Amino acid sequence: GFSFVPATIAAVTGVPPHEAGLASGLVNTS
């Protein structure tokens, strides 16, 4: 429970807004 949310937030850090969905989807794929 404590890992899912910060992992997704960390994954979109520094990513352009138009690619945030791609970065979040990549986390679920990984």
Full PDB file with SEQRES, HELIX, SHEET, SSBOND, CRYST1, ORIGX, SCALE, CONECT and MASTER records, all heavy atoms in Angstrom:
SEQRES   1 A   30  GLY PHE SER PHE VAL PRO ALA THR ILE ALA ALA VAL THR          
SEQRES   2 A   30  GLY VAL PRO PRO HIS GLU ALA GLY LEU ALA SER GLY LEU          
SEQRES   3 A   30  VAL ASN THR SER                                              
HELIX    1 AA1 PHE A    4  VAL A   12  1                                   9    
HELIX    2 AA2 PRO A   17  GLU A   19  5                                   3    
HELIX    3 AA3 ALA A   20  THR A   29  1                                  10    
CRYST1    1.000    1.000    1.000  90.00  90.00  90.00 P 1           1          
ORIGX1      1.000000  0.000000  0.000000        0.00000                         
ORIGX2      0.000000  1.000000  0.000000        0.00000                         
ORIGX3      0.000000  0.000000  1.000000        0.00000                         
SCALE1      1.000000  0.000000  0.000000        0.00000                         
SCALE2      0.000000  1.000000  0.000000        0.00000                         
SCALE3      0.000000  0.000000  1.000000        0.00000                         
ATOM      1  N   GLY A   1       0.804  -1.218   0.000  1.00  0.00           N  
ATOM      2  CA  GLY A   1       0.000   0.000   0.000  1.00  0.00           C  
ATOM      3  C   GLY A   1       0.833   1.262   0.000  1.00  0.00           C  
ATOM      4  O   GLY A   1       0.508   2.240  -0.675  1.00  0.00           O  
ATOM      5  N   PHE A   2       1.927   1.251   0.746  1.00  0.00           N  
ATOM      6  CA  PHE A   2       2.785   2.432   0.822  1.00  0.00           C  
ATOM      7  C   PHE A   2       3.701   2.584  -0.394  1.00  0.00           C  
ATOM      8  O   PHE A   2       4.399   3.583  -0.505  1.00  0.00           O  
ATOM      9  CB  PHE A   2       3.639   2.382   2.090  1.00  0.00           C  
ATOM     10  CG  PHE A   2       2.886   2.735   3.346  1.00  0.00           C  
ATOM     11  CD1 PHE A   2       2.857   1.861   4.418  1.00  0.00           C  
ATOM     12  CD2 PHE A   2       2.196   3.932   3.451  1.00  0.00           C  
ATOM     13  CE1 PHE A   2       2.160   2.176   5.580  1.00  0.00           C  
ATOM     14  CE2 PHE A   2       1.494   4.256   4.595  1.00  0.00           C  
ATOM     15  CZ  PHE A   2       1.474   3.372   5.671  1.00  0.00           C  
ATOM     16  N   SER A   3       3.695   1.610  -1.296  1.00  0.00           N  
ATOM     17  CA  SER A   3       4.619   1.654  -2.432  1.00  0.00           C  
ATOM     18  C   SER A   3       3.976   2.121  -3.727  1.00  0.00           C  
ATOM     19  O   SER A   3       4.633   2.796  -4.526  1.00  0.00           O  
ATOM     20  CB  SER A   3       5.239   0.260  -2.651  1.00  0.00           C  
ATOM     21  OG  SER A   3       6.012  -0.139  -1.541  1.00  0.00           O  
ATOM     22  N   PHE A   4       2.715   1.771  -3.976  1.00  0.00           N  
ATOM     23  CA  PHE A   4       2.106   2.075  -5.264  1.00  0.00           C  
ATOM     24  C   PHE A   4       2.071   3.569  -5.574  1.00  0.00           C  
ATOM     25  O   PHE A   4       2.475   4.011  -6.649  1.00  0.00           O  
ATOM     26  CB  PHE A   4       0.675   1.530  -5.316  1.00  0.00           C  
ATOM     27  CG  PHE A   4       0.606   0.067  -5.648  1.00  0.00           C  
ATOM     28  CD1 PHE A   4      -0.227  -0.779  -4.924  1.00  0.00           C  
ATOM     29  CD2 PHE A   4       1.349  -0.463  -6.673  1.00  0.00           C  
ATOM     30  CE1 PHE A   4      -0.296  -2.137  -5.225  1.00  0.00           C  
ATOM     31  CE2 PHE A   4       1.285  -1.815  -6.988  1.00  0.00           C  
ATOM     32  CZ  PHE A   4       0.459  -2.647  -6.264  1.00  0.00           C  
ATOM     33  N   VAL A   5       1.564   4.369  -4.653  1.00  0.00           N  
ATOM     34  CA  VAL A   5       1.370   5.795  -4.912  1.00  0.00           C  
ATOM     35  C   VAL A   5       2.698   6.521  -5.123  1.00  0.00           C  
ATOM     36  O   VAL A   5       2.874   7.208  -6.129  1.00  0.00           O  
ATOM     37  CB  VAL A   5       0.540   6.441  -3.786  1.00  0.00           C  
ATOM     38  CG1 VAL A   5       0.480   7.947  -3.970  1.00  0.00           C  
ATOM     39  CG2 VAL A   5      -0.859   5.847  -3.764  1.00  0.00           C  
ATOM     40  N   PRO A   6       3.673   6.419  -4.196  1.00  0.00           N  
ATOM     41  CA  PRO A   6       4.934   7.135  -4.431  1.00  0.00           C  
ATOM     42  C   PRO A   6       5.674   6.646  -5.673  1.00  0.00           C  
ATOM     43  O   PRO A   6       6.380   7.424  -6.309  1.00  0.00           O  
ATOM     44  CB  PRO A   6       5.737   6.866  -3.154  1.00  0.00           C  
ATOM     45  CG  PRO A   6       5.128   5.657  -2.536  1.00  0.00           C  
ATOM     46  CD  PRO A   6       3.676   5.735  -2.887  1.00  0.00           C  
ATOM     47  N   ALA A   7       5.520   5.365  -6.029  1.00  0.00           N  
ATOM     48  CA  ALA A   7       6.175   4.875  -7.242  1.00  0.00           C  
ATOM     49  C   ALA A   7       5.625   5.573  -8.474  1.00  0.00           C  
ATOM     50  O   ALA A   7       6.377   5.984  -9.369  1.00  0.00           O  
ATOM     51  CB  ALA A   7       5.986   3.364  -7.369  1.00  0.00           C  
ATOM     52  N   THR A   8       4.299   5.744  -8.537  1.00  0.00           N  
ATOM     53  CA  THR A   8       3.700   6.413  -9.678  1.00  0.00           C  
ATOM     54  C   THR A   8       4.065   7.888  -9.705  1.00  0.00           C  
ATOM     55  O   THR A   8       4.372   8.458 -10.758  1.00  0.00           O  
ATOM     56  CB  THR A   8       2.170   6.251  -9.654  1.00  0.00           C  
ATOM     57  OG1 THR A   8       1.852   4.869  -9.543  1.00  0.00           O  
ATOM     58  CG2 THR A   8       1.544   6.812 -10.908  1.00  0.00           C  
ATOM     59  N   ILE A   9       4.061   8.533  -8.538  1.00  0.00           N  
ATOM     60  CA  ILE A   9       4.438   9.945  -8.466  1.00  0.00           C  
ATOM     61  C   ILE A   9       5.895  10.132  -8.890  1.00  0.00           C  
ATOM     62  O   ILE A   9       6.225  11.033  -9.663  1.00  0.00           O  
ATOM     63  CB  ILE A   9       4.195  10.497  -7.051  1.00  0.00           C  
ATOM     64  CG1 ILE A   9       2.693  10.549  -6.763  1.00  0.00           C  
ATOM     65  CG2 ILE A   9       4.802  11.885  -6.897  1.00  0.00           C  
ATOM     66  CD1 ILE A   9       2.343  10.976  -5.360  1.00  0.00           C  
ATOM     67  N   ALA A  10       6.772   9.259  -8.403  1.00  0.00           N  
ATOM     68  CA  ALA A  10       8.184   9.368  -8.774  1.00  0.00           C  
ATOM     69  C   ALA A  10       8.376   9.161 -10.271  1.00  0.00           C  
ATOM     70  O   ALA A  10       9.231   9.788 -10.898  1.00  0.00           O  
ATOM     71  CB  ALA A  10       9.005   8.342  -7.995  1.00  0.00           C  
ATOM     72  N   ALA A  11       7.567   8.285 -10.862  1.00  0.00           N  
ATOM     73  CA  ALA A  11       7.721   7.981 -12.285  1.00  0.00           C  
ATOM     74  C   ALA A  11       7.362   9.167 -13.168  1.00  0.00           C  
ATOM     75  O   ALA A  11       7.908   9.307 -14.263  1.00  0.00           O  
ATOM     76  CB  ALA A  11       6.859   6.779 -12.651  1.00  0.00           C  
ATOM     77  N   VAL A  12       6.430  10.016 -12.739  1.00  0.00           N  
ATOM     78  CA  VAL A  12       6.041  11.159 -13.567  1.00  0.00           C  
ATOM     79  C   VAL A  12       6.821  12.415 -13.214  1.00  0.00           C  
ATOM     80  O   VAL A  12       6.631  13.460 -13.834  1.00  0.00           O  
ATOM     81  CB  VAL A  12       4.524  11.436 -13.459  1.00  0.00           C  
ATOM     82  CG1 VAL A  12       3.727  10.238 -13.907  1.00  0.00           C  
ATOM     83  CG2 VAL A  12       4.133  11.833 -12.044  1.00  0.00           C  
ATOM     84  N   THR A  13       7.728  12.331 -12.243  1.00  0.00           N  
ATOM     85  CA  THR A  13       8.550  13.470 -11.881  1.00  0.00           C  
ATOM     86  C   THR A  13       9.473  13.844 -13.037  1.00  0.00           C  
ATOM     87  O   THR A  13      10.226  13.011 -13.543  1.00  0.00           O  
ATOM     88  CB  THR A  13       9.412  13.160 -10.642  1.00  0.00           C  
ATOM     89  OG1 THR A  13       8.559  12.875  -9.546  1.00  0.00           O  
ATOM     90  CG2 THR A  13      10.314  14.337 -10.289  1.00  0.00           C  
ATOM     91  N   GLY A  14       9.414  15.090 -13.461  1.00  0.00           N  
ATOM     92  CA  GLY A  14      10.282  15.566 -14.522  1.00  0.00           C  
ATOM     93  C   GLY A  14       9.848  15.171 -15.918  1.00  0.00           C  
ATOM     94  O   GLY A  14      10.515  15.520 -16.896  1.00  0.00           O  
ATOM     95  N   VAL A  15       8.741  14.431 -16.043  1.00  0.00           N  
ATOM     96  CA  VAL A  15       8.240  14.034 -17.355  1.00  0.00           C  
ATOM     97  C   VAL A  15       7.308  15.132 -17.864  1.00  0.00           C  
ATOM     98  O   VAL A  15       6.503  15.661 -17.102  1.00  0.00           O  
ATOM     99  CB  VAL A  15       7.488  12.683 -17.255  1.00  0.00           C  
ATOM    100  CG1 VAL A  15       6.841  12.321 -18.588  1.00  0.00           C  
ATOM    101  CG2 VAL A  15       8.443  11.594 -16.812  1.00  0.00           C  
ATOM    102  N   PRO A  16       7.390  15.523 -19.156  1.00  0.00           N  
ATOM    103  CA  PRO A  16       6.478  16.540 -19.688  1.00  0.00           C  
ATOM    104  C   PRO A  16       5.024  16.155 -19.440  1.00  0.00           C  
ATOM    105  O   PRO A  16       4.670  14.972 -19.498  1.00  0.00           O  
ATOM    106  CB  PRO A  16       6.798  16.545 -21.192  1.00  0.00           C  
ATOM    107  CG  PRO A  16       8.199  16.040 -21.287  1.00  0.00           C  
ATOM    108  CD  PRO A  16       8.345  15.048 -20.167  1.00  0.00           C  
ATOM    109  N   PRO A  17       4.176  17.138 -19.166  1.00  0.00           N  
ATOM    110  CA  PRO A  17       2.778  16.835 -18.848  1.00  0.00           C  
ATOM    111  C   PRO A  17       2.080  15.977 -19.895  1.00  0.00           C  
ATOM    112  O   PRO A  17       1.267  15.113 -19.538  1.00  0.00           O  
ATOM    113  CB  PRO A  17       2.129  18.227 -18.749  1.00  0.00           C  
ATOM    114  CG  PRO A  17       3.258  19.145 -18.379  1.00  0.00           C  
ATOM    115  CD  PRO A  17       4.479  18.585 -19.048  1.00  0.00           C  
ATOM    116  N   HIS A  18       2.393  16.170 -21.184  1.00  0.00           N  
ATOM    117  CA  HIS A  18       1.702  15.403 -22.214  1.00  0.00           C  
ATOM    118  C   HIS A  18       2.152  13.945 -22.255  1.00  0.00           C  
ATOM    119  O   HIS A  18       1.552  13.132 -22.954  1.00  0.00           O  
ATOM    120  CB  HIS A  18       1.905  16.046 -23.594  1.00  0.00           C  
ATOM    121  CG  HIS A  18       3.326  15.990 -24.086  1.00  0.00           C  
ATOM    122  ND1 HIS A  18       4.286  16.897 -23.683  1.00  0.00           N  
ATOM    123  CD2 HIS A  18       3.940  15.126 -24.932  1.00  0.00           C  
ATOM    124  CE1 HIS A  18       5.441  16.602 -24.276  1.00  0.00           C  
ATOM    125  NE2 HIS A  18       5.264  15.530 -25.030  1.00  0.00           N  
ATOM    126  N   GLU A  19       3.207  13.588 -21.469  1.00  0.00           N  
ATOM    127  CA  GLU A  19       3.657  12.202 -21.414  1.00  0.00           C  
ATOM    128  C   GLU A  19       3.447  11.587 -20.034  1.00  0.00           C  
ATOM    129  O   GLU A  19       3.934  10.489 -19.759  1.00  0.00           O  
ATOM    130  CB  GLU A  19       5.136  12.103 -21.805  1.00  0.00           C  
ATOM    131  CG  GLU A  19       5.378  12.406 -23.280  1.00  0.00           C  
ATOM    132  CD  GLU A  19       6.803  12.120 -23.712  1.00  0.00           C  
ATOM    133  OE1 GLU A  19       7.707  12.145 -22.842  1.00  0.00           O  
ATOM    134  OE2 GLU A  19       7.022  11.875 -24.901  1.00  0.00           O  
ATOM    135  N   ALA A  20       2.713  12.287 -19.168  1.00  0.00           N  
ATOM    136  CA  ALA A  20       2.472  11.763 -17.820  1.00  0.00           C  
ATOM    137  C   ALA A  20       1.673  10.465 -17.867  1.00  0.00           C  
ATOM    138  O   ALA A  20       1.930   9.532 -17.099  1.00  0.00           O  
ATOM    139  CB  ALA A  20       1.743  12.803 -16.972  1.00  0.00           C  
ATOM    140  N   GLY A  21       0.687  10.389 -18.780  1.00  0.00           N  
ATOM    141  CA  GLY A  21      -0.083   9.151 -18.908  1.00  0.00           C  
ATOM    142  C   GLY A  21       0.778   7.994 -19.363  1.00  0.00           C  
ATOM    143  O   GLY A  21       0.633   6.871 -18.882  1.00  0.00           O  
ATOM    144  N   LEU A  22       1.701   8.260 -20.294  1.00  0.00           N  
ATOM    145  CA  LEU A  22       2.626   7.232 -20.757  1.00  0.00           C  
ATOM    146  C   LEU A  22       3.493   6.741 -19.606  1.00  0.00           C  
ATOM    147  O   LEU A  22       3.686   5.535 -19.423  1.00  0.00           O  
ATOM    148  CB  LEU A  22       3.501   7.788 -21.878  1.00  0.00           C  
ATOM    149  CG  LEU A  22       4.678   6.924 -22.335  1.00  0.00           C  
ATOM    150  CD1 LEU A  22       4.197   5.624 -22.942  1.00  0.00           C  
ATOM    151  CD2 LEU A  22       5.551   7.693 -23.329  1.00  0.00           C  
ATOM    152  N   ALA A  23       4.016   7.678 -18.807  1.00  0.00           N  
ATOM    153  CA  ALA A  23       4.883   7.304 -17.689  1.00  0.00           C  
ATOM    154  C   ALA A  23       4.121   6.491 -16.650  1.00  0.00           C  
ATOM    155  O   ALA A  23       4.636   5.503 -16.114  1.00  0.00           O  
ATOM    156  CB  ALA A  23       5.480   8.558 -17.051  1.00  0.00           C  
ATOM    157  N   SER A  24       2.877   6.888 -16.366  1.00  0.00           N  
ATOM    158  CA  SER A  24       2.071   6.150 -15.388  1.00  0.00           C  
ATOM    159  C   SER A  24       1.727   4.757 -15.900  1.00  0.00           C  
ATOM    160  O   SER A  24       1.767   3.776 -15.160  1.00  0.00           O  
ATOM    161  CB  SER A  24       0.783   6.921 -15.086  1.00  0.00           C  
ATOM    162  OG  SER A  24       1.074   8.168 -14.491  1.00  0.00           O  
ATOM    163  N   GLY A  25       1.393   4.663 -17.201  1.00  0.00           N  
ATOM    164  CA  GLY A  25       1.112   3.356 -17.775  1.00  0.00           C  
ATOM    165  C   GLY A  25       2.324   2.451 -17.756  1.00  0.00           C  
ATOM    166  O   GLY A  25       2.220   1.238 -17.557  1.00  0.00           O  
ATOM    167  N   LEU A  26       3.509   3.047 -17.949  1.00  0.00           N  
ATOM    168  CA  LEU A  26       4.736   2.269 -17.930  1.00  0.00           C  
ATOM    169  C   LEU A  26       4.984   1.666 -16.553  1.00  0.00           C  
ATOM    170  O   LEU A  26       5.487   0.534 -16.435  1.00  0.00           O  
ATOM    171  CB  LEU A  26       5.917   3.162 -18.336  1.00  0.00           C  
ATOM    172  CG  LEU A  26       7.276   2.495 -18.485  1.00  0.00           C  
ATOM    173  CD1 LEU A  26       7.227   1.384 -19.518  1.00  0.00           C  
ATOM    174  CD2 LEU A  26       8.333   3.525 -18.868  1.00  0.00           C  
ATOM    175  N   VAL A  27       4.624   2.384 -15.491  1.00  0.00           N  
ATOM    176  CA  VAL A  27       4.771   1.859 -14.135  1.00  0.00           C  
ATOM    177  C   VAL A  27       3.921   0.606 -13.955  1.00  0.00           C  
ATOM    178  O   VAL A  27       4.375  -0.411 -13.412  1.00  0.00           O  
ATOM    179  CB  VAL A  27       4.383   2.928 -13.090  1.00  0.00           C  
ATOM    180  CG1 VAL A  27       4.265   2.316 -11.708  1.00  0.00           C  
ATOM    181  CG2 VAL A  27       5.424   4.032 -13.067  1.00  0.00           C  
ATOM    182  N   ASN A  28       2.668   0.661 -14.424  1.00  0.00           N  
ATOM    183  CA  ASN A  28       1.804  -0.514 -14.296  1.00  0.00           C  
ATOM    184  C   ASN A  28       2.323  -1.677 -15.128  1.00  0.00           C  
ATOM    185  O   ASN A  28       2.219  -2.843 -14.727  1.00  0.00           O  
ATOM    186  CB  ASN A  28       0.376  -0.144 -14.727  1.00  0.00           C  
ATOM    187  CG  ASN A  28      -0.328   0.733 -13.708  1.00  0.00           C  
ATOM    188  OD1 ASN A  28      -0.160   0.550 -12.519  1.00  0.00           O  
ATOM    189  ND2 ASN A  28      -1.087   1.701 -14.174  1.00  0.00           N  
ATOM    190  N   THR A  29       2.886  -1.382 -16.307  1.00  0.00           N  
ATOM    191  CA  THR A  29       3.484  -2.423 -17.137  1.00  0.00           C  
ATOM    192  C   THR A  29       4.670  -3.064 -16.426  1.00  0.00           C  
ATOM    193  O   THR A  29       4.821  -4.290 -16.409  1.00  0.00           O  
ATOM    194  CB  THR A  29       3.921  -1.838 -18.488  1.00  0.00           C  
ATOM    195  OG1 THR A  29       2.785  -1.291 -19.160  1.00  0.00           O  
ATOM    196  CG2 THR A  29       4.548  -2.897 -19.373  1.00  0.00           C  
ATOM    197  N   SER A  30       5.529  -2.230 -15.834  1.00  0.00           N  
ATOM    198  CA  SER A  30       6.703  -2.750 -15.123  1.00  0.00           C  
ATOM    199  C   SER A  30       6.301  -3.622 -13.950  1.00  0.00           C  
ATOM    200  O   SER A  30       6.939  -4.647 -13.667  1.00  0.00           O  
ATOM    201  CB  SER A  30       7.574  -1.582 -14.625  1.00  0.00           C  
ATOM    202  OG  SER A  30       8.081  -0.837 -15.694  1.00  0.00           O  
TER     203      SER A  30                                                      
MASTER        0    0    0    3    0    0    0    6  202    1    0    3          
END                                                                             
